[in-house]
Amino acid sequence: MARRKGADNAMNSNRIHLYETHLHTAEASACARWTGAEAARACRAAGYTGIVVTDHFVGGNTGIDRSLPWIAWVNAFEKGYLHAKQEGDRIGLQVFFGWEAGYKGTEFLVYGPDADWLRAHPEIRDATVEEQFRLIRAESGLVVHAHPFREEPYIPAIRLFPDLVDAVEVCNATHSSPKSVSHNQPSYDRLALAYAQRHGLPMTAGSDIHSSLMLDGGMAFHRRLTDLQDLIRAIREREPCFLLDGSTGSSLLSGGPAGIE
């Protein structure tokens, strides 16, 4: 994966605002090892301006009982976000709501609709990939294919949907960070980058963090974003930013018609 010289110097600038786009909490993700409040404090201490809480949805590694009635399920599902938001408001960290949808191992980060929307749209629970895209697009939301080339036993096959996503996660820090304890294979990101470029899709980066052991990835912008819709717009319009893959001194500069300058 191509690297941009001088990225480290740019990242040290006070003009840079770092956002974590892929984060799980123990309240809703069975694999997470920190609470929403703990995640907020750790990310603030690590220098992040904001985070998107993307707990595993009903089709993924959720920690919420799937037999619950839909409203009760959503109420439990949003607790990680609510705890992170409450703590973030206290300490000066922006906290946004999202989720990671799972379809037999193929996963998508969803940004835009909030928990109230989920409560009002139970059809999202059993939506197909195509139906998901239509529903989220109707709400001006964003669907990002997360780690599309990851290979693990829980992923029976690599399935690509270039016409049913808005962007591709081309940097997932669990693949490249020396602190990562799973999915360690940088080639997954190289394949994702080539895929996004081939289809002309915007690119994102996230740590896919489940605990404070690894706080290395994300998207770094030259300004503070106003809200989640601003992040969605920045991704969709390819606003220049650094995409961090978690390895020491490694980043991509996203932006421009082809996605990479």
Foldseek 3Di string as FASTA:
>chain_A
DDFDPPPVVVCPDPLKAFEFEAEEAVLWAVPFDHALLQVLVLLVVVRHQEYEYAHADPQDRTPFPPVDPQLVRLVSNCRRQVNNCVNCVVVRHHYAYWYWYDDQNWIKIKHADDSVVSSVCVVCNPDDLQRVLVVRVVRVIFIEGELQQQDDPSRPDRDDDLPSGQAYALAAQLCDAPLHPDSPHNVSSVVRVVVCLVSQHFYWAHHNHRDSSADAWGKMDSHDADGRSSVSCCRNQFPWIWGTRNYPPGTFTAHDRSGGD
